[in-house]
Amino acid sequence: LEGITRYSAHDLERGRAVWVDLLDPGARHDARRRFLRGAAIGAALP
């Protein structure tokens, strides 16, 4: 969806199923910056 691919994945450290969203390889620096900033905000949400 819109330059992001979601994978089913396994967290080896915690032994649990997760989703991993990958931004397209080769994405521009500003796109990576927005993605990571948004992810940080989302991760901080209680």
ModelCIF file with pLDDT and N, C-alpha, C, O atoms, coordinates in Angstrom:
data_MODEL
#
_entry.id   MODEL 
#
_entity.id                         1 
_entity.type                       polymer 
_entity.pdbx_number_of_molecules   1 
#
_entity_poly.entity_id                      1 
_entity_poly.type                           'polypeptide(L)' 
_entity_poly.nstd_linkage                   no 
_entity_poly.nstd_monomer                   no 
_entity_poly.pdbx_seq_one_letter_code       LEGITRYSAHDLERGRAVWVDLLDPGARHDARRRFLRGAAIGAALP 
_entity_poly.pdbx_seq_one_letter_code_can   LEGITRYSAHDLERGRAVWVDLLDPGARHDARRRFLRGAAIGAALP 
_entity_poly.pdbx_strand_id                 A 
#
loop_
_entity_poly_seq.entity_id 
_entity_poly_seq.num 
_entity_poly_seq.mon_id 
_entity_poly_seq.hetero 
1 1  LEU n 
1 2  GLU n 
1 3  GLY n 
1 4  ILE n 
1 5  THR n 
1 6  ARG n 
1 7  TYR n 
1 8  SER n 
1 9  ALA n 
1 10 HIS n 
1 11 ASP n 
1 12 LEU n 
1 13 GLU n 
1 14 ARG n 
1 15 GLY n 
1 16 ARG n 
1 17 ALA n 
1 18 VAL n 
1 19 TRP n 
1 20 VAL n 
1 21 ASP n 
1 22 LEU n 
1 23 LEU n 
1 24 ASP n 
1 25 PRO n 
1 26 GLY n 
1 27 ALA n 
1 28 ARG n 
1 29 HIS n 
1 30 ASP n 
1 31 ALA n 
1 32 ARG n 
1 33 ARG n 
1 34 ARG n 
1 35 PHE n 
1 36 LEU n 
1 37 ARG n 
1 38 GLY n 
1 39 ALA n 
1 40 ALA n 
1 41 ILE n 
1 42 GLY n 
1 43 ALA n 
1 44 ALA n 
1 45 LEU n 
1 46 PRO n 
#
_struct_asym.id          A 
_struct_asym.entity_id   1 
#
loop_
_ma_qa_metric.id 
_ma_qa_metric.mode 
_ma_qa_metric.name 
_ma_qa_metric.software_group_id 
_ma_qa_metric.type 
1 global pLDDT . pLDDT 
2 local  pLDDT . pLDDT 
#
_ma_qa_metric_global.metric_id      1 
_ma_qa_metric_global.metric_value   87.52 
_ma_qa_metric_global.model_id       1 
_ma_qa_metric_global.ordinal_id     1 
#
loop_
_ma_qa_metric_local.label_asym_id 
_ma_qa_metric_local.label_comp_id 
_ma_qa_metric_local.label_seq_id 
_ma_qa_metric_local.metric_id 
_ma_qa_metric_local.metric_value 
_ma_qa_metric_local.model_id 
_ma_qa_metric_local.ordinal_id 
A LEU 1  2 78.00 1 1  
A GLU 2  2 75.00 1 2  
A GLY 3  2 82.00 1 3  
A ILE 4  2 86.00 1 4  
A THR 5  2 89.00 1 5  
A ARG 6  2 89.00 1 6  
A TYR 7  2 93.00 1 7  
A SER 8  2 92.00 1 8  
A ALA 9  2 95.00 1 9  
A HIS 10 2 96.00 1 10 
A ASP 11 2 96.00 1 11 
A LEU 12 2 95.00 1 12 
A GLU 13 2 93.00 1 13 
A ARG 14 2 94.00 1 14 
A GLY 15 2 94.00 1 15 
A ARG 16 2 94.00 1 16 
A ALA 17 2 95.00 1 17 
A VAL 18 2 95.00 1 18 
A TRP 19 2 93.00 1 19 
A VAL 20 2 94.00 1 20 
A ASP 21 2 91.00 1 21 
A LEU 22 2 91.00 1 22 
A LEU 23 2 89.00 1 23 
A ASP 24 2 86.00 1 24 
A PRO 25 2 79.00 1 25 
A GLY 26 2 75.00 1 26 
A ALA 27 2 79.00 1 27 
A ARG 28 2 83.00 1 28 
A HIS 29 2 85.00 1 29 
A ASP 30 2 84.00 1 30 
A ALA 31 2 85.00 1 31 
A ARG 32 2 87.00 1 32 
A ARG 33 2 86.00 1 33 
A ARG 34 2 84.00 1 34 
A PHE 35 2 87.00 1 35 
A LEU 36 2 88.00 1 36 
A ARG 37 2 85.00 1 37 
A GLY 38 2 82.00 1 38 
A ALA 39 2 85.00 1 39 
A ALA 40 2 86.00 1 40 
A ILE 41 2 83.00 1 41 
A GLY 42 2 82.00 1 42 
A ALA 43 2 85.00 1 43 
A ALA 44 2 85.00 1 44 
A LEU 45 2 86.00 1 45 
A PRO 46 2 90.00 1 46 
#
loop_
_atom_site.group_PDB 
_atom_site.id 
_atom_site.type_symbol 
_atom_site.label_atom_id 
_atom_site.label_alt_id 
_atom_site.label_comp_id 
_atom_site.label_asym_id 
_atom_site.label_entity_id 
_atom_site.label_seq_id 
_atom_site.pdbx_PDB_ins_code 
_atom_site.Cartn_x 
_atom_site.Cartn_y 
_atom_site.Cartn_z 
_atom_site.occupancy 
_atom_site.B_iso_or_equiv 
_atom_site.pdbx_formal_charge 
_atom_site.auth_seq_id 
_atom_site.auth_comp_id 
_atom_site.auth_asym_id 
_atom_site.auth_atom_id 
_atom_site.pdbx_PDB_model_num 
ATOM 1   N N  . LEU A 1 1  ? 0.844  -1.191  0.000  1.00 78.00 ? 1  LEU A N  1 
ATOM 2   C CA . LEU A 1 1  ? 0.000  0.000   0.000  1.00 78.00 ? 1  LEU A CA 1 
ATOM 3   C C  . LEU A 1 1  ? 0.878  1.239   0.000  1.00 78.00 ? 1  LEU A C  1 
ATOM 4   O O  . LEU A 1 1  ? 1.597  1.500   0.964  1.00 78.00 ? 1  LEU A O  1 
ATOM 5   N N  . GLU A 1 2  ? 0.815  2.003   -1.090 1.00 75.00 ? 2  GLU A N  1 
ATOM 6   C CA . GLU A 1 2  ? 1.453  3.320   -1.171 1.00 75.00 ? 2  GLU A CA 1 
ATOM 7   C C  . GLU A 1 2  ? 2.933  3.292   -0.781 1.00 75.00 ? 2  GLU A C  1 
ATOM 8   O O  . GLU A 1 2  ? 3.371  4.032   0.099  1.00 75.00 ? 2  GLU A O  1 
ATOM 9   N N  . GLY A 1 3  ? 3.687  2.430   -1.448 1.00 82.00 ? 3  GLY A N  1 
ATOM 10  C CA . GLY A 1 3  ? 5.128  2.397   -1.239 1.00 82.00 ? 3  GLY A CA 1 
ATOM 11  C C  . GLY A 1 3  ? 5.590  1.636   -0.018 1.00 82.00 ? 3  GLY A C  1 
ATOM 12  O O  . GLY A 1 3  ? 6.778  1.648   0.303  1.00 82.00 ? 3  GLY A O  1 
ATOM 13  N N  . ILE A 1 4  ? 4.667  0.968   0.677  1.00 86.00 ? 4  ILE A N  1 
ATOM 14  C CA . ILE A 1 4  ? 5.011  0.185   1.869  1.00 86.00 ? 4  ILE A CA 1 
ATOM 15  C C  . ILE A 1 4  ? 4.499  -1.244  1.666  1.00 86.00 ? 4  ILE A C  1 
ATOM 16  O O  . ILE A 1 4  ? 3.345  -1.448  1.287  1.00 86.00 ? 4  ILE A O  1 
ATOM 17  N N  . THR A 1 5  ? 5.358  -2.220  1.918  1.00 89.00 ? 5  THR A N  1 
ATOM 18  C CA . THR A 1 5  ? 4.958  -3.624  1.831  1.00 89.00 ? 5  THR A CA 1 
ATOM 19  C C  . THR A 1 5  ? 4.923  -4.208  3.239  1.00 89.00 ? 5  THR A C  1 
ATOM 20  O O  . THR A 1 5  ? 5.892  -4.097  3.991  1.00 89.00 ? 5  THR A O  1 
ATOM 21  N N  . ARG A 1 6  ? 3.813  -4.824  3.585  1.00 89.00 ? 6  ARG A N  1 
ATOM 22  C CA . ARG A 1 6  ? 3.662  -5.446  4.906  1.00 89.00 ? 6  ARG A CA 1 
ATOM 23  C C  . ARG A 1 6  ? 3.900  -6.948  4.801  1.00 89.00 ? 6  ARG A C  1 
ATOM 24  O O  . ARG A 1 6  ? 3.273  -7.631  3.992  1.00 89.00 ? 6  ARG A O  1 
ATOM 25  N N  . TYR A 1 7  ? 4.805  -7.450  5.622  1.00 93.00 ? 7  TYR A N  1 
ATOM 26  C CA . TYR A 1 7  ? 5.120  -8.867  5.676  1.00 93.00 ? 7  TYR A CA 1 
ATOM 27  C C  . TYR A 1 7  ? 4.600  -9.485  6.965  1.00 93.00 ? 7  TYR A C  1 
ATOM 28  O O  . TYR A 1 7  ? 4.647  -8.857  8.023  1.00 93.00 ? 7  TYR A O  1 
ATOM 29  N N  . SER A 1 8  ? 4.108  -10.709 6.878  1.00 92.00 ? 8  SER A N  1 
ATOM 30  C CA . SER A 1 8  ? 3.985  -11.531 8.075  1.00 92.00 ? 8  SER A CA 1 
ATOM 31  C C  . SER A 1 8  ? 5.402  -11.928 8.468  1.00 92.00 ? 8  SER A C  1 
ATOM 32  O O  . SER A 1 8  ? 6.222  -12.227 7.600  1.00 92.00 ? 8  SER A O  1 
ATOM 33  N N  . ALA A 1 9  ? 5.697  -11.934 9.751  1.00 95.00 ? 9  ALA A N  1 
ATOM 34  C CA . ALA A 1 9  ? 7.066  -12.196 10.186 1.00 95.00 ? 9  ALA A CA 1 
ATOM 35  C C  . ALA A 1 9  ? 7.058  -12.835 11.572 1.00 95.00 ? 9  ALA A C  1 
ATOM 36  O O  . ALA A 1 9  ? 6.022  -12.922 12.231 1.00 95.00 ? 9  ALA A O  1 
ATOM 37  N N  . HIS A 1 10 ? 8.244  -13.282 11.997 1.00 96.00 ? 10 HIS A N  1 
ATOM 38  C CA . HIS A 1 10 ? 8.400  -13.886 13.321 1.00 96.00 ? 10 HIS A CA 1 
ATOM 39  C C  . HIS A 1 10 ? 9.501  -13.159 14.073 1.00 96.00 ? 10 HIS A C  1 
ATOM 40  O O  . HIS A 1 10 ? 10.611 -12.994 13.568 1.00 96.00 ? 10 HIS A O  1 
ATOM 41  N N  . ASP A 1 11 ? 9.181  -12.729 15.280 1.00 96.00 ? 11 ASP A N  1 
ATOM 42  C CA . ASP A 1 11 ? 10.141 -12.068 16.152 1.00 96.00 ? 11 ASP A CA 1 
ATOM 43  C C  . ASP A 1 11 ? 10.938 -13.155 16.874 1.00 96.00 ? 11 ASP A C  1 
ATOM 44  O O  . ASP A 1 11 ? 10.429 -13.780 17.805 1.00 96.00 ? 11 ASP A O  1 
ATOM 45  N N  . LEU A 1 12 ? 12.181 -13.384 16.452 1.00 95.00 ? 12 LEU A N  1 
ATOM 46  C CA . LEU A 1 12 ? 12.993 -14.458 17.025 1.00 95.00 ? 12 LEU A CA 1 
ATOM 47  C C  . LEU A 1 12 ? 13.355 -14.186 18.479 1.00 95.00 ? 12 LEU A C  1 
ATOM 48  O O  . LEU A 1 12 ? 13.529 -15.120 19.261 1.00 95.00 ? 12 LEU A O  1 
ATOM 49  N N  . GLU A 1 13 ? 13.468 -12.936 18.838 1.00 93.00 ? 13 GLU A N  1 
ATOM 50  C CA . GLU A 1 13 ? 13.872 -12.595 20.207 1.00 93.00 ? 13 GLU A CA 1 
ATOM 51  C C  . GLU A 1 13 ? 12.774 -12.894 21.210 1.00 93.00 ? 13 GLU A C  1 
ATOM 52  O O  . GLU A 1 13 ? 13.054 -13.369 22.311 1.00 93.00 ? 13 GLU A O  1 
ATOM 53  N N  . ARG A 1 14 ? 11.521 -12.621 20.842 1.00 94.00 ? 14 ARG A N  1 
ATOM 54  C CA . ARG A 1 14 ? 10.409 -12.823 21.765 1.00 94.00 ? 14 ARG A CA 1 
ATOM 55  C C  . ARG A 1 14 ? 9.520  -14.000 21.396 1.00 94.00 ? 14 ARG A C  1 
ATOM 56  O O  . ARG A 1 14 ? 8.570  -14.303 22.118 1.00 94.00 ? 14 ARG A O  1 
ATOM 57  N N  . GLY A 1 15 ? 9.810  -14.668 20.291 1.00 94.00 ? 15 GLY A N  1 
ATOM 58  C CA . GLY A 1 15 ? 9.044  -15.839 19.898 1.00 94.00 ? 15 GLY A CA 1 
ATOM 59  C C  . GLY A 1 15 ? 7.586  -15.541 19.615 1.00 94.00 ? 15 GLY A C  1 
ATOM 60  O O  . GLY A 1 15 ? 6.707  -16.262 20.087 1.00 94.00 ? 15 GLY A O  1 
ATOM 61  N N  . ARG A 1 16 ? 7.313  -14.490 18.851 1.00 94.00 ? 16 ARG A N  1 
ATOM 62  C CA . ARG A 1 16 ? 5.934  -14.097 18.585 1.00 94.00 ? 16 ARG A CA 1 
ATOM 63  C C  . ARG A 1 16 ? 5.771  -13.710 17.112 1.00 94.00 ? 16 ARG A C  1 
ATOM 64  O O  . ARG A 1 16 ? 6.736  -13.348 16.439 1.00 94.00 ? 16 ARG A O  1 
ATOM 65  N N  . ALA A 1 17 ? 4.547  -13.794 16.639 1.00 95.00 ? 17 ALA A N  1 
ATOM 66  C CA . ALA A 1 17 ? 4.231  -13.359 15.280 1.00 95.00 ? 17 ALA A CA 1 
ATOM 67  C C  . ALA A 1 17 ? 4.082  -11.846 15.250 1.00 95.00 ? 17 ALA A C  1 
ATOM 68  O O  . ALA A 1 17 ? 3.521  -11.255 16.173 1.00 95.00 ? 17 ALA A O  1 
ATOM 69  N N  . VAL A 1 18 ? 4.577  -11.226 14.203 1.00 95.00 ? 18 VAL A N  1 
ATOM 70  C CA . VAL A 1 18 ? 4.480  -9.778  14.040 1.00 95.00 ? 18 VAL A CA 1 
ATOM 71  C C  . VAL A 1 18 ? 4.217  -9.461  12.570 1.00 95.00 ? 18 VAL A C  1 
ATOM 72  O O  . VAL A 1 18 ? 4.270  -10.338 11.708 1.00 95.00 ? 18 VAL A O  1 
ATOM 73  N N  . TRP A 1 19 ? 3.937  -8.200  12.308 1.00 93.00 ? 19 TRP A N  1 
ATOM 74  C CA . TRP A 1 19 ? 3.948  -7.659  10.959 1.00 93.00 ? 19 TRP A CA 1 
ATOM 75  C C  . TRP A 1 19 ? 5.165  -6.748  10.841 1.00 93.00 ? 19 TRP A C  1 
ATOM 76  O O  . TRP A 1 19 ? 5.511  -6.038  11.785 1.00 93.00 ? 19 TRP A O  1 
ATOM 77  N N  . VAL A 1 20 ? 5.805  -6.772  9.685  1.00 94.00 ? 20 VAL A N  1 
ATOM 78  C CA . VAL A 1 20 ? 6.902  -5.846  9.406  1.00 94.00 ? 20 VAL A CA 1 
ATOM 79  C C  . VAL A 1 20 ? 6.540  -5.034  8.168  1.00 94.00 ? 20 VAL A C  1 
ATOM 80  O O  . VAL A 1 20 ? 6.334  -5.591  7.090  1.00 94.00 ? 20 VAL A O  1 
ATOM 81  N N  . ASP A 1 21 ? 6.465  -3.719  8.326  1.00 91.00 ? 21 ASP A N  1 
ATOM 82  C CA . ASP A 1 21 ? 6.222  -2.810  7.211  1.00 91.00 ? 21 ASP A CA 1 
ATOM 83  C C  . ASP A 1 21 ? 7.563  -2.321  6.690  1.00 91.00 ? 21 ASP A C  1 
ATOM 84  O O  . ASP A 1 21 ? 8.357  -1.752  7.439  1.00 91.00 ? 21 ASP A O  1 
ATOM 85  N N  . LEU A 1 22 ? 7.816  -2.544  5.399  1.00 91.00 ? 22 LEU A N  1 
ATOM 86  C CA . LEU A 1 22 ? 9.062  -2.107  4.767  1.00 91.00 ? 22 LEU A CA 1 
ATOM 87  C C  . LEU A 1 22 ? 8.770  -0.978  3.782  1.00 91.00 ? 22 LEU A C  1 
ATOM 88  O O  . LEU A 1 22 ? 7.964  -1.127  2.864  1.00 91.00 ? 22 LEU A O  1 
ATOM 89  N N  . LEU A 1 23 ? 9.434  0.137   3.991  1.00 89.00 ? 23 LEU A N  1 
ATOM 90  C CA . LEU A 1 23 ? 9.365  1.209   3.007  1.00 89.00 ? 23 LEU A CA 1 
ATOM 91  C C  . LEU A 1 23 ? 10.157 0.769   1.778  1.00 89.00 ? 23 LEU A C  1 
ATOM 92  O O  . LEU A 1 23 ? 11.174 0.086   1.902  1.00 89.00 ? 23 LEU A O  1 
ATOM 93  N N  . ASP A 1 24 ? 9.697  1.158   0.609  1.00 86.00 ? 24 ASP A N  1 
ATOM 94  C CA . ASP A 1 24 ? 10.362 0.745   -0.627 1.00 86.00 ? 24 ASP A CA 1 
ATOM 95  C C  . ASP A 1 24 ? 11.855 1.039   -0.583 1.00 86.00 ? 24 ASP A C  1 
ATOM 96  O O  . ASP A 1 24 ? 12.259 2.116   -0.145 1.00 86.00 ? 24 ASP A O  1 
ATOM 97  N N  . PRO A 1 25 ? 12.687 0.088   -1.036 1.00 79.00 ? 25 PRO A N  1 
ATOM 98  C CA . PRO A 1 25 ? 14.124 0.382   -1.121 1.00 79.00 ? 25 PRO A CA 1 
ATOM 99  C C  . PRO A 1 25 ? 14.360 1.520   -2.118 1.00 79.00 ? 25 PRO A C  1 
ATOM 100 O O  . PRO A 1 25 ? 13.688 1.617   -3.144 1.00 79.00 ? 25 PRO A O  1 
ATOM 101 N N  . GLY A 1 26 ? 15.307 2.357   -1.797 1.00 75.00 ? 26 GLY A N  1 
ATOM 102 C CA . GLY A 1 26 ? 15.578 3.478   -2.681 1.00 75.00 ? 26 GLY A CA 1 
ATOM 103 C C  . GLY A 1 26 ? 14.666 4.670   -2.461 1.00 75.00 ? 26 GLY A C  1 
ATOM 104 O O  . GLY A 1 26 ? 14.718 5.633   -3.225 1.00 75.00 ? 26 GLY A O  1 
ATOM 105 N N  . ALA A 1 27 ? 13.823 4.625   -1.420 1.00 79.00 ? 27 ALA A N  1 
ATOM 106 C CA . ALA A 1 27 ? 12.963 5.773   -1.128 1.00 79.00 ? 27 ALA A CA 1 
ATOM 107 C C  . ALA A 1 27 ? 13.822 6.996   -0.798 1.00 79.00 ? 27 ALA A C  1 
ATOM 108 O O  . ALA A 1 27 ? 14.910 6.870   -0.237 1.00 79.00 ? 27 ALA A O  1 
ATOM 109 N N  . ARG A 1 28 ? 13.325 8.157   -1.150 1.00 83.00 ? 28 ARG A N  1 
ATOM 110 C CA . ARG A 1 28 ? 14.081 9.382   -0.911 1.00 83.00 ? 28 ARG A CA 1 
ATOM 111 C C  . ARG A 1 28 ? 14.276 9.618   0.580  1.00 83.00 ? 28 ARG A C  1 
ATOM 112 O O  . ARG A 1 28 ? 13.529 9.113   1.418  1.00 83.00 ? 28 ARG A O  1 
ATOM 113 N N  . HIS A 1 29 ? 15.307 10.404  0.879  1.00 85.00 ? 29 HIS A N  1 
ATOM 114 C CA . HIS A 1 29 ? 15.643 10.669  2.280  1.00 85.00 ? 29 HIS A CA 1 
ATOM 115 C C  . HIS A 1 29 ? 14.469 11.271  3.037  1.00 85.00 ? 29 HIS A C  1 
ATOM 116 O O  . HIS A 1 29 ? 14.210 10.881  4.176  1.00 85.00 ? 29 HIS A O  1 
ATOM 117 N N  . ASP A 1 30 ? 13.745 12.226  2.423  1.00 84.00 ? 30 ASP A N  1 
ATOM 118 C CA . ASP A 1 30 ? 12.637 12.858  3.141  1.00 84.00 ? 30 ASP A CA 1 
ATOM 119 C C  . ASP A 1 30 ? 11.501 11.863  3.384  1.00 84.00 ? 30 ASP A C  1 
ATOM 120 O O  . ASP A 1 30 ? 10.801 11.967  4.391  1.00 84.00 ? 30 ASP A O  1 
ATOM 121 N N  . ALA A 1 31 ? 11.308 10.894  2.471  1.00 85.00 ? 31 ALA A N  1 
ATOM 122 C CA . ALA A 1 31 ? 10.282 9.868   2.682  1.00 85.00 ? 31 ALA A CA 1 
ATOM 123 C C  . ALA A 1 31 ? 10.664 8.966   3.844  1.00 85.00 ? 31 ALA A C  1 
ATOM 124 O O  . ALA A 1 31 ? 9.813  8.615   4.661  1.00 85.00 ? 31 ALA A O  1 
ATOM 125 N N  . ARG A 1 32 ? 11.944 8.583   3.930  1.00 87.00 ? 32 ARG A N  1 
ATOM 126 C CA . ARG A 1 32 ? 12.395 7.759   5.063  1.00 87.00 ? 32 ARG A CA 1 
ATOM 127 C C  . ARG A 1 32 ? 12.269 8.532   6.371  1.00 87.00 ? 32 ARG A C  1 
ATOM 128 O O  . ARG A 1 32 ? 11.870 7.979   7.396  1.00 87.00 ? 32 ARG A O  1 
ATOM 129 N N  . ARG A 1 33 ? 12.612 9.815   6.324  1.00 86.00 ? 33 ARG A N  1 
ATOM 130 C CA . ARG A 1 33 ? 12.523 10.637  7.540  1.00 86.00 ? 33 ARG A CA 1 
ATOM 131 C C  . ARG A 1 33 ? 11.087 10.708  8.036  1.00 86.00 ? 33 ARG A C  1 
ATOM 132 O O  . ARG A 1 33 ? 10.844 10.559  9.233  1.00 86.00 ? 33 ARG A O  1 
ATOM 133 N N  . ARG A 1 34 ? 10.114 10.937  7.122  1.00 84.00 ? 34 ARG A N  1 
ATOM 134 C CA . ARG A 1 34 ? 8.713  10.999  7.527  1.00 84.00 ? 34 ARG A CA 1 
ATOM 135 C C  . ARG A 1 34 ? 8.234  9.655   8.057  1.00 84.00 ? 34 ARG A C  1 
ATOM 136 O O  . ARG A 1 34 ? 7.509  9.594   9.049  1.00 84.00 ? 34 ARG A O  1 
ATOM 137 N N  . PHE A 1 35 ? 8.640  8.586   7.395  1.00 87.00 ? 35 PHE A N  1 
ATOM 138 C CA . PHE A 1 35 ? 8.225  7.253   7.818  1.00 87.00 ? 35 PHE A CA 1 
ATOM 139 C C  . PHE A 1 35 ? 8.734  6.959   9.227  1.00 87.00 ? 35 PHE A C  1 
ATOM 140 O O  . PHE A 1 35 ? 7.970  6.497   10.076 1.00 87.00 ? 35 PHE A O  1 
ATOM 141 N N  . LEU A 1 36 ? 10.005 7.220   9.482  1.00 88.00 ? 36 LEU A N  1 
ATOM 142 C CA . LEU A 1 36 ? 10.588 6.912   10.789 1.00 88.00 ? 36 LEU A CA 1 
ATOM 143 C C  . LEU A 1 36 ? 10.050 7.831   11.879 1.00 88.00 ? 36 LEU A C  1 
ATOM 144 O O  . LEU A 1 36 ? 9.858  7.399   13.016 1.00 88.00 ? 36 LEU A O  1 
ATOM 145 N N  . ARG A 1 37 ? 9.805  9.104   11.537 1.00 85.00 ? 37 ARG A N  1 
ATOM 146 C CA . ARG A 1 37 ? 9.213  10.004  12.526 1.00 85.00 ? 37 ARG A CA 1 
ATOM 147 C C  . ARG A 1 37 ? 7.802  9.556   12.881 1.00 85.00 ? 37 ARG A C  1 
ATOM 148 O O  . ARG A 1 37 ? 7.421  9.550   14.051 1.00 85.00 ? 37 ARG A O  1 
ATOM 149 N N  . GLY A 1 38 ? 7.026  9.177   11.859 1.00 82.00 ? 38 GLY A N  1 
ATOM 150 C CA . GLY A 1 38 ? 5.676  8.678   12.121 1.00 82.00 ? 38 GLY A CA 1 
ATOM 151 C C  . GLY A 1 38 ? 5.699  7.401   12.943 1.00 82.00 ? 38 GLY A C  1 
ATOM 152 O O  . GLY A 1 38 ? 4.873  7.212   13.836 1.00 82.00 ? 38 GLY A O  1 
ATOM 153 N N  . ALA A 1 39 ? 6.655  6.519   12.638 1.00 85.00 ? 39 ALA A N  1 
ATOM 154 C CA . ALA A 1 39 ? 6.768  5.276   13.401 1.00 85.00 ? 39 ALA A CA 1 
ATOM 155 C C  . ALA A 1 39 ? 7.116  5.541   14.855 1.00 85.00 ? 39 ALA A C  1 
ATOM 156 O O  . ALA A 1 39 ? 6.609  4.866   15.751 1.00 85.00 ? 39 ALA A O  1 
ATOM 157 N N  . ALA A 1 40 ? 7.983  6.523   15.093 1.00 86.00 ? 40 ALA A N  1 
ATOM 158 C CA . ALA A 1 40 ? 8.335  6.876   16.471 1.00 86.00 ? 40 ALA A CA 1 
ATOM 159 C C  . ALA A 1 40 ? 7.121  7.410   17.225 1.00 86.00 ? 40 ALA A C  1 
ATOM 160 O O  . ALA A 1 40 ? 6.916  7.082   18.394 1.00 86.00 ? 40 ALA A O  1 
ATOM 161 N N  . ILE A 1 41 ? 6.316  8.234   16.551 1.00 83.00 ? 41 ILE A N  1 
ATOM 162 C CA . ILE A 1 41 ? 5.097  8.754   17.175 1.00 83.00 ? 41 ILE A CA 1 
ATOM 163 C C  . ILE A 1 41 ? 4.125  7.619   17.467 1.00 83.00 ? 41 ILE A C  1 
ATOM 164 O O  . ILE A 1 41 ? 3.543  7.556   18.550 1.00 83.00 ? 41 ILE A O  1 
ATOM 165 N N  . GLY A 1 42 ? 3.948  6.712   16.486 1.00 82.00 ? 42 GLY A N  1 
ATOM 166 C CA . GLY A 1 42 ? 3.051  5.579   16.688 1.00 82.00 ? 42 GLY A CA 1 
ATOM 167 C C  . GLY A 1 42 ? 3.500  4.666   17.807 1.00 82.00 ? 42 GLY A C  1 
ATOM 168 O O  . GLY A 1 42 ? 2.675  4.168   18.573 1.00 82.00 ? 42 GLY A O  1 
ATOM 169 N N  . ALA A 1 43 ? 4.822  4.438   17.912 1.00 85.00 ? 43 ALA A N  1 
ATOM 170 C CA . ALA A 1 43 ? 5.349  3.567   18.960 1.00 85.00 ? 43 ALA A CA 1 
ATOM 171 C C  . ALA A 1 43 ? 5.164  4.171   20.345 1.00 85.00 ? 43 ALA A C  1 
ATOM 172 O O  . ALA A 1 43 ? 5.028  3.442   21.327 1.00 85.00 ? 43 ALA A O  1 
ATOM 173 N N  . ALA A 1 44 ? 5.159  5.500   20.429 1.00 85.00 ? 44 ALA A N  1 
ATOM 174 C CA . ALA A 1 44 ? 4.994  6.165   21.721 1.00 85.00 ? 44 ALA A CA 1 
ATOM 175 C C  . ALA A 1 44 ? 3.536  6.246   22.161 1.00 85.00 ? 44 ALA A C  1 
ATOM 176 O O  . ALA A 1 44 ? 3.261  6.604   23.307 1.00 85.00 ? 44 ALA A O  1 
ATOM 177 N N  . LEU A 1 45 ? 2.601  5.921   21.278 1.00 86.00 ? 45 LEU A N  1 
ATOM 178 C CA . LEU A 1 45 ? 1.174  5.989   21.619 1.00 86.00 ? 45 LEU A CA 1 
ATOM 179 C C  . LEU A 1 45 ? 0.843  4.903   22.656 1.00 86.00 ? 45 LEU A C  1 
ATOM 180 O O  . LEU A 1 45 ? 1.131  3.731   22.410 1.00 86.00 ? 45 LEU A O  1 
ATOM 181 N N  . PRO A 1 46 ? 0.251  5.251   23.799 1.00 90.00 ? 46 PRO A N  1 
ATOM 182 C CA . PRO A 1 46 ? -0.089 4.238   24.800 1.00 90.00 ? 46 PRO A CA 1 
ATOM 183 C C  . PRO A 1 46 ? -1.041 3.172   24.246 1.00 90.00 ? 46 PRO A C  1 
ATOM 184 O O  . PRO A 1 46 ? -1.422 2.250   24.966 1.00 90.00 ? 46 PRO A O  1 
#
